[in-house]
Amino acid sequence: MPYKINEFNGSYSIQLDNMSIPRSTGNSDYNRFIEAIALGTDTVEGPDIVSESYSSLRSSDYPSMQEQLDMQYWDAVNGTTTWKDRIDEIKALYPKTIERTVTVGDVPAWVQEEADVFLAAKQLREYAVAVERLAQYVLAEGRAEVKETIVIGTEAVLDENDMPTYDEEGNDITQDITEEAVAVTAIDPVEATVEQTTYDDEGVATITSIENPLITKDNEERTEAQSIVDATPQEVIDAYNAGNGYIAS
């Protein structure tokens, strides 16, 4: 059974079976509703639009009983037909051909808008995790050492006579002292295969060479992460890049 939107005087609630869910992001059932619509795991119907029958419309327009009695009194006193004219007017306005109908209206725009916000946030989180996973080194290939030049101090710039040099303002001219430092340590690739021992019904062992399970798992995770990246809409990628990967909690 799909979710059902109920609307009363501009306020909305969501019906699911016998449960009424308020439109509030602080309500867990409401958040599950938005998630279901965003992920397409459930559907939602718009609010019912009721067109009342002639009897209900007439009843709502008829003057009160006190007013009708007052009209009848003055009609009798003055010889007028005010009461009859008013009743006839209402009956003509709402003929008996008018029947009560109930139709399903459109789903309010806010439902899809909030579902889109939920989906974009979910995609952003998953994209960030996938990018981080792909940034890790491939176990089968290992990781090369990376060095960088760092400044460890300064020294005076000497002239050809090994004397200090000065700029036009008389300040010592210096230069950085640098050295190569390891920024990323090297990691050897894991063994491509491992030996697996199996036993037959008679207990005879057979040793076979299989792909290293660590490599298998690494490849599977990288494939899954790549599929997430490939399926991520460009606007979500742009939001990730604009936020430098930051995801609001």
C-alpha atoms as a PDB file:
ATOM      1  CA  MET A   1       0.000   0.000   0.000  1.00  0.00           C
ATOM      2  CA  PRO A   2       1.522   3.362  -0.992  1.00  0.00           C
ATOM      3  CA  TYR A   3       1.904   6.357   1.245  1.00  0.00           C
ATOM      4  CA  LYS A   4      -1.005   8.799   1.130  1.00  0.00           C
ATOM      5  CA  ILE A   5      -0.810  12.574   1.507  1.00  0.00           C
ATOM      6  CA  ASN A   6      -3.540  14.137   3.616  1.00  0.00           C
ATOM      7  CA  GLU A   7      -4.169  17.868   3.539  1.00  0.00           C
ATOM      8  CA  PHE A   8      -6.351  19.957   5.840  1.00  0.00           C
ATOM      9  CA  ASN A   9      -6.419  23.749   5.736  1.00  0.00           C
ATOM     10  CA  GLY A  10      -2.936  23.889   4.227  1.00  0.00           C
ATOM     11  CA  SER A  11      -1.363  21.464   6.711  1.00  0.00           C
ATOM     12  CA  TYR A  12      -0.074  18.104   5.528  1.00  0.00           C
ATOM     13  CA  SER A  13       0.335  14.665   7.051  1.00  0.00           C
ATOM     14  CA  ILE A  14       1.244  11.315   5.538  1.00  0.00           C
ATOM     15  CA  GLN A  15      -0.847   8.194   5.951  1.00  0.00           C
ATOM     16  CA  LEU A  16       0.571   4.662   5.895  1.00  0.00           C
ATOM     17  CA  ASP A  17      -1.953   1.946   6.729  1.00  0.00           C
ATOM     18  CA  ASN A  18      -3.370   3.096  10.077  1.00  0.00           C
ATOM     19  CA  MET A  19      -0.436   5.338  10.957  1.00  0.00           C
ATOM     20  CA  SER A  20      -0.533   9.102  10.524  1.00  0.00           C
ATOM     21  CA  ILE A  21       2.890  10.693  10.073  1.00  0.00           C
ATOM     22  CA  PRO A  22       3.418  14.421  10.650  1.00  0.00           C
ATOM     23  CA  ARG A  23       5.371  16.439   8.118  1.00  0.00           C
ATOM     24  CA  SER A  24       8.392  16.996  10.336  1.00  0.00           C
ATOM     25  CA  THR A  25      12.075  16.273   9.727  1.00  0.00           C
ATOM     26  CA  GLY A  26      12.347  15.522  13.433  1.00  0.00           C
ATOM     27  CA  ASN A  27      10.089  12.503  13.001  1.00  0.00           C
ATOM     28  CA  SER A  28      11.835   9.221  12.116  1.00  0.00           C
ATOM     29  CA  ASP A  29       8.792   7.858  10.258  1.00  0.00           C
ATOM     30  CA  TYR A  30       8.696  10.994   8.128  1.00  0.00           C
ATOM     31  CA  ASN A  31      12.392  10.639   7.329  1.00  0.00           C
ATOM     32  CA  ARG A  32      11.797   7.017   6.309  1.00  0.00           C
ATOM     33  CA  PHE A  33       8.991   8.222   4.036  1.00  0.00           C
ATOM     34  CA  ILE A  34      11.270  10.735   2.296  1.00  0.00           C
ATOM     35  CA  GLU A  35      13.977   8.067   1.971  1.00  0.00           C
ATOM     36  CA  ALA A  36      11.526   5.591   0.421  1.00  0.00           C
ATOM     37  CA  ILE A  37      10.409   8.152  -2.159  1.00  0.00           C
ATOM     38  CA  ALA A  38      13.989   9.232  -2.897  1.00  0.00           C
ATOM     39  CA  LEU A  39      15.168   5.656  -3.429  1.00  0.00           C
ATOM     40  CA  GLY A  40      12.040   4.580  -5.295  1.00  0.00           C
ATOM     41  CA  THR A  41      11.288   1.763  -2.857  1.00  0.00           C
ATOM     42  CA  ASP A  42       7.748   3.038  -2.302  1.00  0.00           C
ATOM     43  CA  THR A  43       5.196   5.328  -3.905  1.00  0.00           C
ATOM     44  CA  VAL A  44       2.943   8.111  -2.697  1.00  0.00           C
ATOM     45  CA  GLU A  45      -0.537   9.325  -3.624  1.00  0.00           C
ATOM     46  CA  GLY A  46      -1.645  12.930  -3.541  1.00  0.00           C
ATOM     47  CA  PRO A  47      -4.447  14.164  -1.272  1.00  0.00           C
ATOM     48  CA  ASP A  48      -8.068  13.365  -2.000  1.00  0.00           C
ATOM     49  CA  ILE A  49     -10.051  16.136  -3.670  1.00  0.00           C
ATOM     50  CA  VAL A  50     -13.676  15.884  -2.599  1.00  0.00           C
ATOM     51  CA  SER A  51     -16.520  17.467  -4.536  1.00  0.00           C
ATOM     52  CA  GLU A  52     -19.619  17.387  -2.334  1.00  0.00           C
ATOM     53  CA  SER A  53     -23.099  16.322  -3.450  1.00  0.00           C
ATOM     54  CA  TYR A  54     -26.008  18.740  -3.916  1.00  0.00           C
ATOM     55  CA  SER A  55     -27.429  17.901  -0.471  1.00  0.00           C
ATOM     56  CA  SER A  56     -24.230  18.843   1.361  1.00  0.00           C
ATOM     57  CA  LEU A  57     -23.810  21.993  -0.725  1.00  0.00           C
ATOM     58  CA  ARG A  58     -27.413  23.037  -0.091  1.00  0.00           C
ATOM     59  CA  SER A  59     -27.107  22.349   3.641  1.00  0.00           C
ATOM     60  CA  SER A  60     -24.015  24.505   3.936  1.00  0.00           C
ATOM     61  CA  ASP A  61     -25.755  27.398   2.129  1.00  0.00           C
ATOM     62  CA  TYR A  62     -29.151  27.234   3.803  1.00  0.00           C
ATOM     63  CA  PRO A  63     -29.735  29.942   6.419  1.00  0.00           C
ATOM     64  CA  SER A  64     -29.865  28.730  10.006  1.00  0.00           C
ATOM     65  CA  MET A  65     -33.170  27.467  11.314  1.00  0.00           C
ATOM     66  CA  GLN A  66     -33.560  30.619  13.410  1.00  0.00           C
ATOM     67  CA  GLU A  67     -32.976  32.786  10.332  1.00  0.00           C
ATOM     68  CA  GLN A  68     -35.470  30.784   8.268  1.00  0.00           C
ATOM     69  CA  LEU A  69     -38.172  31.088  10.949  1.00  0.00           C
ATOM     70  CA  ASP A  70     -37.525  34.811  11.143  1.00  0.00           C
ATOM     71  CA  MET A  71     -37.807  35.107   7.333  1.00  0.00           C
ATOM     72  CA  GLN A  72     -41.075  33.140   7.350  1.00  0.00           C
ATOM     73  CA  TYR A  73     -42.494  35.366  10.086  1.00  0.00           C
ATOM     74  CA  TRP A  74     -41.807  38.580   8.214  1.00  0.00           C
ATOM     75  CA  ASP A  75     -43.050  37.052   4.961  1.00  0.00           C
ATOM     76  CA  ALA A  76     -46.365  36.357   6.734  1.00  0.00           C
ATOM     77  CA  VAL A  77     -46.470  39.857   8.165  1.00  0.00           C
ATOM     78  CA  ASN A  78     -45.485  41.655   4.961  1.00  0.00           C
ATOM     79  CA  GLY A  79     -46.960  39.301   2.383  1.00  0.00           C
ATOM     80  CA  THR A  80     -43.500  38.718   0.868  1.00  0.00           C
ATOM     81  CA  THR A  81     -41.740  35.556  -0.353  1.00  0.00           C
ATOM     82  CA  THR A  82     -38.206  36.227   0.923  1.00  0.00           C
ATOM     83  CA  TRP A  83     -37.817  32.771   2.515  1.00  0.00           C
ATOM     84  CA  LYS A  84     -39.143  30.854  -0.504  1.00  0.00           C
ATOM     85  CA  ASP A  85     -37.043  32.910  -2.915  1.00  0.00           C
ATOM     86  CA  ARG A  86     -33.870  32.200  -0.954  1.00  0.00           C
ATOM     87  CA  ILE A  87     -34.569  28.469  -0.729  1.00  0.00           C
ATOM     88  CA  ASP A  88     -35.431  28.284  -4.436  1.00  0.00           C
ATOM     89  CA  GLU A  89     -32.228  30.166  -5.276  1.00  0.00           C
ATOM     90  CA  ILE A  90     -30.108  27.650  -3.352  1.00  0.00           C
ATOM     91  CA  LYS A  91     -31.914  24.650  -4.892  1.00  0.00           C
ATOM     92  CA  ALA A  92     -31.371  26.067  -8.376  1.00  0.00           C
ATOM     93  CA  LEU A  93     -27.699  26.757  -7.599  1.00  0.00           C
ATOM     94  CA  TYR A  94     -27.158  23.153  -6.546  1.00  0.00           C
ATOM     95  CA  PRO A  95     -29.394  20.868  -8.633  1.00  0.00           C
ATOM     96  CA  LYS A  96     -29.846  17.196  -7.752  1.00  0.00           C
ATOM     97  CA  THR A  97     -27.598  16.220 -10.654  1.00  0.00           C
ATOM     98  CA  ILE A  98     -24.581  17.206  -8.563  1.00  0.00           C
ATOM     99  CA  GLU A  99     -23.123  14.030  -7.029  1.00  0.00           C
ATOM    100  CA  ARG A 100     -20.331  13.589  -4.513  1.00  0.00           C
ATOM    101  CA  THR A 101     -17.002  12.679  -6.156  1.00  0.00           C
ATOM    102  CA  VAL A 102     -13.561  11.894  -4.774  1.00  0.00           C
ATOM    103  CA  THR A 103     -10.479  12.204  -6.987  1.00  0.00           C
ATOM    104  CA  VAL A 104      -6.773  11.914  -6.193  1.00  0.00           C
ATOM    105  CA  GLY A 105      -4.906  15.188  -6.504  1.00  0.00           C
ATOM    106  CA  ASP A 106      -1.308  15.791  -7.484  1.00  0.00           C
ATOM    107  CA  VAL A 107       1.468  14.984  -5.046  1.00  0.00           C
ATOM    108  CA  PRO A 108       2.677  18.292  -3.533  1.00  0.00           C
ATOM    109  CA  ALA A 109       5.930  19.562  -5.015  1.00  0.00           C
ATOM    110  CA  TRP A 110       7.640  19.594  -1.610  1.00  0.00           C
ATOM    111  CA  VAL A 111       7.664  15.785  -1.528  1.00  0.00           C
ATOM    112  CA  GLN A 112       9.962  15.487  -4.557  1.00  0.00           C
ATOM    113  CA  GLU A 113      11.986  18.506  -3.489  1.00  0.00           C
ATOM    114  CA  GLU A 114      12.782  16.981  -0.098  1.00  0.00           C
ATOM    115  CA  ALA A 115      13.417  13.571  -1.670  1.00  0.00           C
ATOM    116  CA  ASP A 116      15.906  15.194  -4.062  1.00  0.00           C
ATOM    117  CA  VAL A 117      17.726  16.829  -1.143  1.00  0.00           C
ATOM    118  CA  PHE A 118      17.926  13.487   0.678  1.00  0.00           C
ATOM    119  CA  LEU A 119      19.196  11.669  -2.408  1.00  0.00           C
ATOM    120  CA  ALA A 120      21.843  14.304  -3.172  1.00  0.00           C
ATOM    121  CA  ALA A 121      23.156  14.125   0.415  1.00  0.00           C
ATOM    122  CA  LYS A 122      23.269  10.328   0.244  1.00  0.00           C
ATOM    123  CA  GLN A 123      25.098  10.403  -3.080  1.00  0.00           C
ATOM    124  CA  LEU A 124      27.563  12.957  -1.727  1.00  0.00           C
ATOM    125  CA  ARG A 125      28.397  10.781   1.282  1.00  0.00           C
ATOM    126  CA  GLU A 126      28.812   7.665  -0.837  1.00  0.00           C
ATOM    127  CA  TYR A 127      30.895   9.511  -3.426  1.00  0.00           C
ATOM    128  CA  ALA A 128      33.257  10.829  -0.748  1.00  0.00           C
ATOM    129  CA  VAL A 129      33.747   7.334   0.682  1.00  0.00           C
ATOM    130  CA  ALA A 130      34.282   5.870  -2.808  1.00  0.00           C
ATOM    131  CA  VAL A 131      36.861   8.531  -3.740  1.00  0.00           C
ATOM    132  CA  GLU A 132      38.743   7.885  -0.518  1.00  0.00           C
ATOM    133  CA  ARG A 133      38.704   4.136  -1.194  1.00  0.00           C
ATOM    134  CA  LEU A 134      40.060   4.555  -4.720  1.00  0.00           C
ATOM    135  CA  ALA A 135      42.820   6.809  -3.421  1.00  0.00           C
ATOM    136  CA  GLN A 136      44.273   3.899  -1.467  1.00  0.00           C
ATOM    137  CA  TYR A 137      47.070   1.991  -3.135  1.00  0.00           C
ATOM    138  CA  VAL A 138      46.383  -1.235  -5.036  1.00  0.00           C
ATOM    139  CA  LEU A 139      47.455  -4.192  -2.920  1.00  0.00           C
ATOM    140  CA  ALA A 140      48.630  -6.170  -5.952  1.00  0.00           C
ATOM    141  CA  GLU A 141      50.888  -3.290  -7.032  1.00  0.00           C
ATOM    142  CA  GLY A 142      52.130  -1.972  -3.719  1.00  0.00           C
ATOM    143  CA  ARG A 143      53.140   1.642  -3.213  1.00  0.00           C
ATOM    144  CA  ALA A 144      56.249   3.459  -4.360  1.00  0.00           C
ATOM    145  CA  GLU A 145      58.227   5.659  -2.050  1.00  0.00           C
ATOM    146  CA  VAL A 146      57.613   9.367  -2.478  1.00  0.00           C
ATOM    147  CA  LYS A 147      60.173  11.940  -1.452  1.00  0.00           C
ATOM    148  CA  GLU A 148      59.832  15.673  -1.078  1.00  0.00           C
ATOM    149  CA  THR A 149      62.227  18.525  -0.600  1.00  0.00           C
ATOM    150  CA  ILE A 150      61.971  20.184   2.791  1.00  0.00           C
ATOM    151  CA  VAL A 151      63.672  23.268   4.220  1.00  0.00           C
ATOM    152  CA  ILE A 152      65.759  22.505   7.280  1.00  0.00           C
ATOM    153  CA  GLY A 153      67.390  25.883   7.744  1.00  0.00           C
ATOM    154  CA  THR A 154      69.054  28.860   6.068  1.00  0.00           C
ATOM    155  CA  GLU A 155      72.622  29.853   5.266  1.00  0.00           C
ATOM    156  CA  ALA A 156      74.415  32.947   4.068  1.00  0.00           C
ATOM    157  CA  VAL A 157      75.070  33.358   0.369  1.00  0.00           C
ATOM    158  CA  LEU A 158      78.839  33.781  -0.055  1.00  0.00           C
ATOM    159  CA  ASP A 159      80.704  35.542  -2.825  1.00  0.00           C
ATOM    160  CA  GLU A 160      83.706  34.166  -4.731  1.00  0.00           C
ATOM    161  CA  ASN A 161      85.913  35.041  -1.761  1.00  0.00           C
ATOM    162  CA  ASP A 162      83.648  33.114   0.630  1.00  0.00           C
ATOM    163  CA  MET A 163      82.471  36.367   2.147  1.00  0.00           C
ATOM    164  CA  PRO A 164      78.864  37.110   3.111  1.00  0.00           C
ATOM    165  CA  THR A 165      76.821  39.047   0.582  1.00  0.00           C
ATOM    166  CA  TYR A 166      74.355  41.850   1.232  1.00  0.00           C
ATOM    167  CA  ASP A 167      71.400  43.346  -0.579  1.00  0.00           C
ATOM    168  CA  GLU A 168      70.991  47.026  -1.432  1.00  0.00           C
ATOM    169  CA  GLU A 169      69.669  47.746   2.041  1.00  0.00           C
ATOM    170  CA  GLY A 170      72.597  46.093   3.744  1.00  0.00           C
ATOM    171  CA  ASN A 171      70.757  42.965   4.810  1.00  0.00           C
ATOM    172  CA  ASP A 172      72.414  39.552   4.677  1.00  0.00           C
ATOM    173  CA  ILE A 173      71.496  37.539   1.618  1.00  0.00           C
ATOM    174  CA  THR A 174      70.554  34.010   2.654  1.00  0.00           C
ATOM    175  CA  GLN A 175      69.345  30.850   0.996  1.00  0.00           C
ATOM    176  CA  ASP A 176      67.367  27.830   2.182  1.00  0.00           C
ATOM    177  CA  ILE A 177      69.128  24.663   3.229  1.00  0.00           C
ATOM    178  CA  THR A 178      67.089  21.724   1.919  1.00  0.00           C
ATOM    179  CA  GLU A 179      67.170  17.991   1.992  1.00  0.00           C
ATOM    180  CA  GLU A 180      65.152  15.112   0.573  1.00  0.00           C
ATOM    181  CA  ALA A 181      62.735  13.490   3.021  1.00  0.00           C
ATOM    182  CA  VAL A 182      60.416  10.524   2.647  1.00  0.00           C
ATOM    183  CA  ALA A 183      56.844  11.800   2.430  1.00  0.00           C
ATOM    184  CA  VAL A 184      55.231   8.441   1.671  1.00  0.00           C
ATOM    185  CA  THR A 185      56.849   5.173   2.605  1.00  0.00           C
ATOM    186  CA  ALA A 186      57.038   2.334   0.117  1.00  0.00           C
ATOM    187  CA  ILE A 187      54.882  -0.750   0.584  1.00  0.00           C
ATOM    188  CA  ASP A 188      55.608  -3.979  -1.197  1.00  0.00           C
ATOM    189  CA  PRO A 189      52.811  -5.641  -3.133  1.00  0.00           C
ATOM    190  CA  VAL A 190      51.185  -8.609  -1.450  1.00  0.00           C
ATOM    191  CA  GLU A 191      51.834 -12.076  -2.810  1.00  0.00           C
ATOM    192  CA  ALA A 192      49.790 -12.613  -5.968  1.00  0.00           C
ATOM    193  CA  THR A 193      48.763 -16.129  -5.004  1.00  0.00           C
ATOM    194  CA  VAL A 194      48.468 -18.285  -1.936  1.00  0.00           C
ATOM    195  CA  GLU A 195      48.288 -22.040  -1.532  1.00  0.00           C
ATOM    196  CA  GLN A 196      44.989 -23.576  -0.577  1.00  0.00           C
ATOM    197  CA  THR A 197      44.696 -27.068   0.848  1.00  0.00           C
ATOM    198  CA  THR A 198      41.539 -29.113   0.336  1.00  0.00           C
ATOM    199  CA  TYR A 199      40.723 -32.645   1.379  1.00  0.00           C
ATOM    200  CA  ASP A 200      38.673 -35.304  -0.373  1.00  0.00           C
ATOM    201  CA  ASP A 201      36.354 -37.802   1.322  1.00  0.00           C
ATOM    202  CA  GLU A 202      39.301 -40.063   2.104  1.00  0.00           C
ATOM    203  CA  GLY A 203      41.299 -37.283   3.700  1.00  0.00           C
ATOM    204  CA  VAL A 204      43.768 -36.932   0.867  1.00  0.00           C
ATOM    205  CA  ALA A 205      45.082 -33.363   0.663  1.00  0.00           C
ATOM    206  CA  THR A 206      45.277 -31.387  -2.543  1.00  0.00           C
ATOM    207  CA  ILE A 207      47.228 -28.162  -2.662  1.00  0.00           C
ATOM    208  CA  THR A 208      46.232 -25.588  -5.270  1.00  0.00           C
ATOM    209  CA  SER A 209      47.367 -22.053  -5.983  1.00  0.00           C
ATOM    210  CA  ILE A 210      44.654 -19.409  -5.876  1.00  0.00           C
ATOM    211  CA  GLU A 211      44.550 -15.633  -6.095  1.00  0.00           C
ATOM    212  CA  ASN A 212      45.426 -14.006  -2.814  1.00  0.00           C
ATOM    213  CA  PRO A 213      42.086 -13.345  -1.050  1.00  0.00           C
ATOM    214  CA  LEU A 214      43.407  -9.922  -0.004  1.00  0.00           C
ATOM    215  CA  ILE A 215      43.805  -9.002  -3.664  1.00  0.00           C
ATOM    216  CA  THR A 216      40.389 -10.403  -4.508  1.00  0.00           C
ATOM    217  CA  LYS A 217      38.740  -8.353  -1.768  1.00  0.00           C
ATOM    218  CA  ASP A 218      40.716  -5.239  -2.724  1.00  0.00           C
ATOM    219  CA  ASN A 219      39.657  -5.553  -6.369  1.00  0.00           C
ATOM    220  CA  GLU A 220      36.012  -6.084  -5.446  1.00  0.00           C
ATOM    221  CA  GLU A 221      35.973  -3.027  -3.189  1.00  0.00           C
ATOM    222  CA  ARG A 222      37.682  -0.895  -5.826  1.00  0.00           C
ATOM    223  CA  THR A 223      35.216  -2.052  -8.499  1.00  0.00           C
ATOM    224  CA  GLU A 224      32.286  -1.194  -6.251  1.00  0.00           C
ATOM    225  CA  ALA A 225      33.788   2.208  -5.411  1.00  0.00           C
ATOM    226  CA  GLN A 226      34.389   2.944  -9.095  1.00  0.00           C
ATOM    227  CA  SER A 227      30.793   2.056  -9.950  1.00  0.00           C
ATOM    228  CA  ILE A 228      29.598   4.552  -7.331  1.00  0.00           C
ATOM    229  CA  VAL A 229      31.852   7.251  -8.771  1.00  0.00           C
ATOM    230  CA  ASP A 230      30.671   6.520 -12.312  1.00  0.00           C
ATOM    231  CA  ALA A 231      27.001   6.701 -11.276  1.00  0.00           C
ATOM    232  CA  THR A 232      27.306   9.937  -9.302  1.00  0.00           C
ATOM    233  CA  PRO A 233      25.589  12.907 -11.010  1.00  0.00           C
ATOM    234  CA  GLN A 234      27.889  15.742 -12.050  1.00  0.00           C
ATOM    235  CA  GLU A 235      26.148  18.257  -9.795  1.00  0.00           C
ATOM    236  CA  VAL A 236      26.962  16.076  -6.788  1.00  0.00           C
ATOM    237  CA  ILE A 237      30.594  15.804  -7.895  1.00  0.00           C
ATOM    238  CA  ASP A 238      30.709  19.592  -8.284  1.00  0.00           C
ATOM    239  CA  ALA A 239      29.319  20.007  -4.752  1.00  0.00           C
ATOM    240  CA  TYR A 240      31.968  17.608  -3.428  1.00  0.00           C
ATOM    241  CA  ASN A 241      34.765  19.485  -5.199  1.00  0.00           C
ATOM    242  CA  ALA A 242      33.445  22.849  -4.033  1.00  0.00           C
ATOM    243  CA  GLY A 243      33.437  21.617  -0.452  1.00  0.00           C
ATOM    244  CA  ASN A 244      36.814  19.912  -0.735  1.00  0.00           C
ATOM    245  CA  GLY A 245      35.191  16.658   0.279  1.00  0.00           C
ATOM    246  CA  TYR A 246      33.588  18.067   3.438  1.00  0.00           C
ATOM    247  CA  ILE A 247      30.245  16.550   4.332  1.00  0.00           C
ATOM    248  CA  ALA A 248      28.013  18.260   6.841  1.00  0.00           C
ATOM    249  CA  SER A 249      26.708  15.967   9.544  1.00  0.00           C
END
